[in-house]
Amino acid sequence: MHAEEDAYHVLLRYLESIKNHLRTTEGRDEILADIESRFTELLMERWLGKSNVITLTDVQEVIQILGSPGQWMEGSNDAFSEAESV
C-alpha cells in the first residue's frame, strides 16, 4: 500500500496535532497508539478493493470521522473517548 504525498503530509500533521494536544496527558503514548490503530482500521475499510494508493480524500475522510483534538474538547465528536476504549 502506498499513499499520495499530499495524503502522507496531511496524516503527519494530524498525528502531530494529536501529540501536541496530549503532551501533558498521562498515558499519552498509549492513547496515541490507540488513535493510530483506529485511524488505520478506518483507512483500511475505505481502501479495501480500491487501488494500491491511499489518496488525500481517503485521509481527509478518516480525519473527519475521528475529528480534531479541538473538537474532542468541545464534546462535538466522541472519537477521543472511543479511541481510549479501543
N, C-alpha and C. Protein backbone atom coordinates (compact mmCIF):
# COMPACT_ATOMS: atom_id res chain seq x y z
N MET A 1 0.85 -1.17 0.00
CA MET A 1 0.00 0.00 0.00
C MET A 1 0.90 1.23 0.00
N HIS A 2 0.50 2.22 -0.75
CA HIS A 2 1.23 3.48 -0.84
C HIS A 2 0.27 4.63 -0.60
N ALA A 3 0.82 5.76 -0.22
CA ALA A 3 0.00 6.95 -0.01
C ALA A 3 0.50 8.07 -0.91
N GLU A 4 -0.44 8.85 -1.41
CA GLU A 4 -0.07 10.04 -2.15
C GLU A 4 0.72 10.94 -1.21
N GLU A 5 1.63 11.71 -1.78
CA GLU A 5 2.47 12.59 -0.95
C GLU A 5 1.63 13.56 -0.13
N ASP A 6 0.60 14.15 -0.74
CA ASP A 6 -0.27 15.07 -0.01
C ASP A 6 -0.96 14.36 1.16
N ALA A 7 -1.43 13.16 0.91
CA ALA A 7 -2.12 12.39 1.95
C ALA A 7 -1.18 12.10 3.11
N TYR A 8 0.04 11.74 2.78
CA TYR A 8 1.05 11.44 3.80
C TYR A 8 1.31 12.66 4.68
N HIS A 9 1.48 13.82 4.07
CA HIS A 9 1.77 15.03 4.84
C HIS A 9 0.58 15.47 5.70
N VAL A 10 -0.62 15.32 5.19
CA VAL A 10 -1.81 15.65 5.99
C VAL A 10 -1.91 14.71 7.19
N LEU A 11 -1.65 13.45 6.98
CA LEU A 11 -1.68 12.48 8.07
C LEU A 11 -0.62 12.82 9.13
N LEU A 12 0.59 13.13 8.70
CA LEU A 12 1.64 13.51 9.65
C LEU A 12 1.26 14.73 10.47
N ARG A 13 0.69 15.75 9.82
CA ARG A 13 0.26 16.95 10.54
C ARG A 13 -0.85 16.64 11.54
N TYR A 14 -1.77 15.77 11.14
CA TYR A 14 -2.86 15.37 12.03
C TYR A 14 -2.32 14.66 13.28
N LEU A 15 -1.43 13.71 13.07
CA LEU A 15 -0.85 12.98 14.20
C LEU A 15 -0.03 13.91 15.08
N GLU A 16 0.67 14.83 14.49
CA GLU A 16 1.46 15.80 15.27
C GLU A 16 0.54 16.69 16.10
N SER A 17 -0.61 17.07 15.56
CA SER A 17 -1.55 17.90 16.33
C SER A 17 -2.10 17.12 17.52
N ILE A 18 -2.30 15.82 17.34
CA ILE A 18 -2.76 14.98 18.46
C ILE A 18 -1.66 14.88 19.52
N LYS A 19 -0.42 14.66 19.09
CA LYS A 19 0.70 14.59 20.04
C LYS A 19 0.79 15.89 20.85
N ASN A 20 0.69 17.02 20.16
CA ASN A 20 0.75 18.30 20.85
C ASN A 20 -0.40 18.47 21.82
N HIS A 21 -1.57 18.05 21.43
CA HIS A 21 -2.76 18.15 22.28
C HIS A 21 -2.61 17.29 23.54
N LEU A 22 -1.99 16.14 23.39
CA LEU A 22 -1.86 15.19 24.50
C LEU A 22 -0.55 15.34 25.28
N ARG A 23 0.24 16.34 24.97
CA ARG A 23 1.60 16.43 25.52
C ARG A 23 1.66 16.36 27.05
N THR A 24 0.64 16.81 27.75
CA THR A 24 0.65 16.77 29.21
C THR A 24 -0.28 15.70 29.78
N THR A 25 -0.81 14.87 28.92
CA THR A 25 -1.77 13.86 29.34
C THR A 25 -1.05 12.59 29.78
N GLU A 26 -1.41 12.08 30.93
CA GLU A 26 -0.85 10.81 31.40
C GLU A 26 -1.33 9.70 30.48
N GLY A 27 -0.45 8.80 30.11
CA GLY A 27 -0.80 7.72 29.21
C GLY A 27 -0.85 8.14 27.76
N ARG A 28 -0.21 9.25 27.45
CA ARG A 28 -0.23 9.85 26.11
C ARG A 28 0.15 8.86 25.02
N ASP A 29 1.23 8.11 25.24
CA ASP A 29 1.71 7.19 24.21
C ASP A 29 0.70 6.09 23.91
N GLU A 30 0.05 5.60 24.94
CA GLU A 30 -0.97 4.56 24.75
C GLU A 30 -2.19 5.12 24.02
N ILE A 31 -2.60 6.31 24.39
CA ILE A 31 -3.75 6.95 23.73
C ILE A 31 -3.43 7.19 22.26
N LEU A 32 -2.25 7.70 22.00
CA LEU A 32 -1.84 7.96 20.63
C LEU A 32 -1.80 6.66 19.82
N ALA A 33 -1.27 5.61 20.41
CA ALA A 33 -1.23 4.31 19.72
C ALA A 33 -2.64 3.82 19.41
N ASP A 34 -3.58 4.02 20.33
CA ASP A 34 -4.97 3.62 20.09
C ASP A 34 -5.59 4.42 18.95
N ILE A 35 -5.31 5.72 18.92
CA ILE A 35 -5.85 6.57 17.86
C ILE A 35 -5.25 6.17 16.51
N GLU A 36 -3.95 5.91 16.50
CA GLU A 36 -3.30 5.48 15.26
C GLU A 36 -3.88 4.15 14.77
N SER A 37 -4.14 3.23 15.69
CA SER A 37 -4.74 1.94 15.31
C SER A 37 -6.13 2.13 14.72
N ARG A 38 -6.92 2.98 15.35
CA ARG A 38 -8.28 3.23 14.85
C ARG A 38 -8.22 3.92 13.49
N PHE A 39 -7.29 4.86 13.33
CA PHE A 39 -7.13 5.54 12.05
C PHE A 39 -6.81 4.51 10.97
N THR A 40 -5.92 3.60 11.28
CA THR A 40 -5.53 2.56 10.32
C THR A 40 -6.71 1.67 9.96
N GLU A 41 -7.49 1.27 10.96
CA GLU A 41 -8.68 0.45 10.71
C GLU A 41 -9.64 1.15 9.75
N LEU A 42 -9.94 2.40 10.04
CA LEU A 42 -10.87 3.16 9.20
C LEU A 42 -10.31 3.36 7.79
N LEU A 43 -9.03 3.62 7.71
CA LEU A 43 -8.40 3.80 6.41
C LEU A 43 -8.44 2.52 5.60
N MET A 44 -8.18 1.39 6.23
CA MET A 44 -8.21 0.11 5.54
C MET A 44 -9.62 -0.22 5.05
N GLU A 45 -10.64 0.11 5.85
CA GLU A 45 -12.02 -0.12 5.42
C GLU A 45 -12.34 0.67 4.15
N ARG A 46 -11.85 1.91 4.08
CA ARG A 46 -12.10 2.75 2.92
C ARG A 46 -11.28 2.28 1.73
N TRP A 47 -10.11 1.77 1.98
CA TRP A 47 -9.16 1.43 0.94
C TRP A 47 -9.43 0.07 0.31
N LEU A 48 -10.05 -0.83 1.05
CA LEU A 48 -10.28 -2.19 0.58
C LEU A 48 -10.92 -2.22 -0.80
N GLY A 49 -10.31 -2.95 -1.69
CA GLY A 49 -10.87 -3.11 -3.02
C GLY A 49 -10.58 -1.97 -3.98
N LYS A 50 -9.90 -0.94 -3.50
CA LYS A 50 -9.56 0.18 -4.37
C LYS A 50 -8.15 -0.02 -4.89
N SER A 51 -7.60 1.01 -5.44
CA SER A 51 -6.24 0.95 -5.96
C SER A 51 -5.24 0.74 -4.83
N ASN A 52 -3.99 0.63 -5.18
CA ASN A 52 -2.93 0.43 -4.19
C ASN A 52 -2.44 1.73 -3.58
N VAL A 53 -3.18 2.81 -3.81
CA VAL A 53 -2.75 4.12 -3.33
C VAL A 53 -3.81 4.71 -2.40
N ILE A 54 -3.36 5.18 -1.25
CA ILE A 54 -4.24 5.90 -0.33
C ILE A 54 -4.21 7.36 -0.76
N THR A 55 -5.37 7.91 -1.00
CA THR A 55 -5.46 9.27 -1.52
C THR A 55 -5.66 10.29 -0.40
N LEU A 56 -5.49 11.53 -0.76
CA LEU A 56 -5.74 12.63 0.16
C LEU A 56 -7.19 12.58 0.63
N THR A 57 -8.10 12.28 -0.25
CA THR A 57 -9.52 12.18 0.11
C THR A 57 -9.75 11.10 1.16
N ASP A 58 -9.08 9.95 1.00
CA ASP A 58 -9.20 8.88 2.00
C ASP A 58 -8.79 9.37 3.38
N VAL A 59 -7.63 10.02 3.44
CA VAL A 59 -7.12 10.52 4.72
C VAL A 59 -8.04 11.59 5.30
N GLN A 60 -8.50 12.50 4.48
CA GLN A 60 -9.38 13.57 4.95
C GLN A 60 -10.70 13.02 5.48
N GLU A 61 -11.23 11.99 4.84
CA GLU A 61 -12.50 11.40 5.30
C GLU A 61 -12.33 10.71 6.64
N VAL A 62 -11.21 10.05 6.85
CA VAL A 62 -10.97 9.40 8.15
C VAL A 62 -10.76 10.45 9.23
N ILE A 63 -10.05 11.51 8.91
CA ILE A 63 -9.86 12.60 9.88
C ILE A 63 -11.21 13.21 10.24
N GLN A 64 -12.10 13.34 9.27
CA GLN A 64 -13.42 13.88 9.54
C GLN A 64 -14.19 12.96 10.50
N ILE A 65 -14.05 11.66 10.32
CA ILE A 65 -14.72 10.70 11.21
C ILE A 65 -14.17 10.81 12.63
N LEU A 66 -12.85 10.83 12.76
CA LEU A 66 -12.23 10.86 14.08
C LEU A 66 -12.30 12.23 14.73
N GLY A 67 -12.31 13.27 13.93
CA GLY A 67 -12.35 14.62 14.47
C GLY A 67 -10.97 15.12 14.86
N SER A 68 -10.91 16.38 15.20
CA SER A 68 -9.66 17.01 15.62
C SER A 68 -9.61 17.09 17.14
N PRO A 69 -8.42 17.24 17.70
CA PRO A 69 -8.32 17.39 19.16
C PRO A 69 -9.18 18.53 19.69
N GLY A 70 -9.28 19.62 18.95
CA GLY A 70 -10.13 20.73 19.38
C GLY A 70 -11.59 20.33 19.48
N GLN A 71 -12.04 19.50 18.56
CA GLN A 71 -13.42 19.02 18.59
C GLN A 71 -13.66 18.11 19.80
N TRP A 72 -12.66 17.33 20.14
CA TRP A 72 -12.83 16.42 21.28
C TRP A 72 -13.08 17.20 22.55
N MET A 73 -12.37 18.30 22.70
CA MET A 73 -12.53 19.11 23.91
C MET A 73 -13.89 19.80 23.94
N GLU A 74 -14.43 20.12 22.78
CA GLU A 74 -15.73 20.76 22.70
C GLU A 74 -16.87 19.77 22.91
N GLY A 75 -16.55 18.47 22.86
CA GLY A 75 -17.57 17.46 23.02
C GLY A 75 -18.38 17.23 21.76
N SER A 76 -17.92 17.79 20.62
CA SER A 76 -18.68 17.64 19.39
C SER A 76 -18.35 16.37 18.64
N ASN A 77 -17.40 15.59 19.16
CA ASN A 77 -17.02 14.35 18.50
C ASN A 77 -16.57 13.37 19.57
N ASP A 78 -17.08 12.17 19.55
CA ASP A 78 -16.76 11.18 20.57
C ASP A 78 -15.56 10.33 20.19
N ALA A 79 -14.80 10.71 19.19
CA ALA A 79 -13.68 9.90 18.72
C ALA A 79 -12.63 9.72 19.80
N PHE A 80 -12.39 10.73 20.62
CA PHE A 80 -11.36 10.63 21.64
C PHE A 80 -11.73 9.56 22.65
N SER A 81 -12.94 9.57 23.14
CA SER A 81 -13.35 8.57 24.12
C SER A 81 -13.40 7.18 23.49
N GLU A 82 -13.79 7.12 22.22
CA GLU A 82 -13.80 5.83 21.52
C GLU A 82 -12.38 5.31 21.36
N ALA A 83 -11.45 6.20 21.03
CA ALA A 83 -10.07 5.79 20.84
C ALA A 83 -9.46 5.30 22.14
N GLU A 84 -9.83 5.92 23.26
CA GLU A 84 -9.31 5.47 24.55
C GLU A 84 -9.82 4.09 24.91
N SER A 85 -11.01 3.73 24.45
CA SER A 85 -11.60 2.45 24.84
C SER A 85 -11.22 1.31 23.90
N VAL A 86 -10.51 1.62 22.82
CA VAL A 86 -10.13 0.59 21.85
C VAL A 86 -9.10 -0.32 22.44
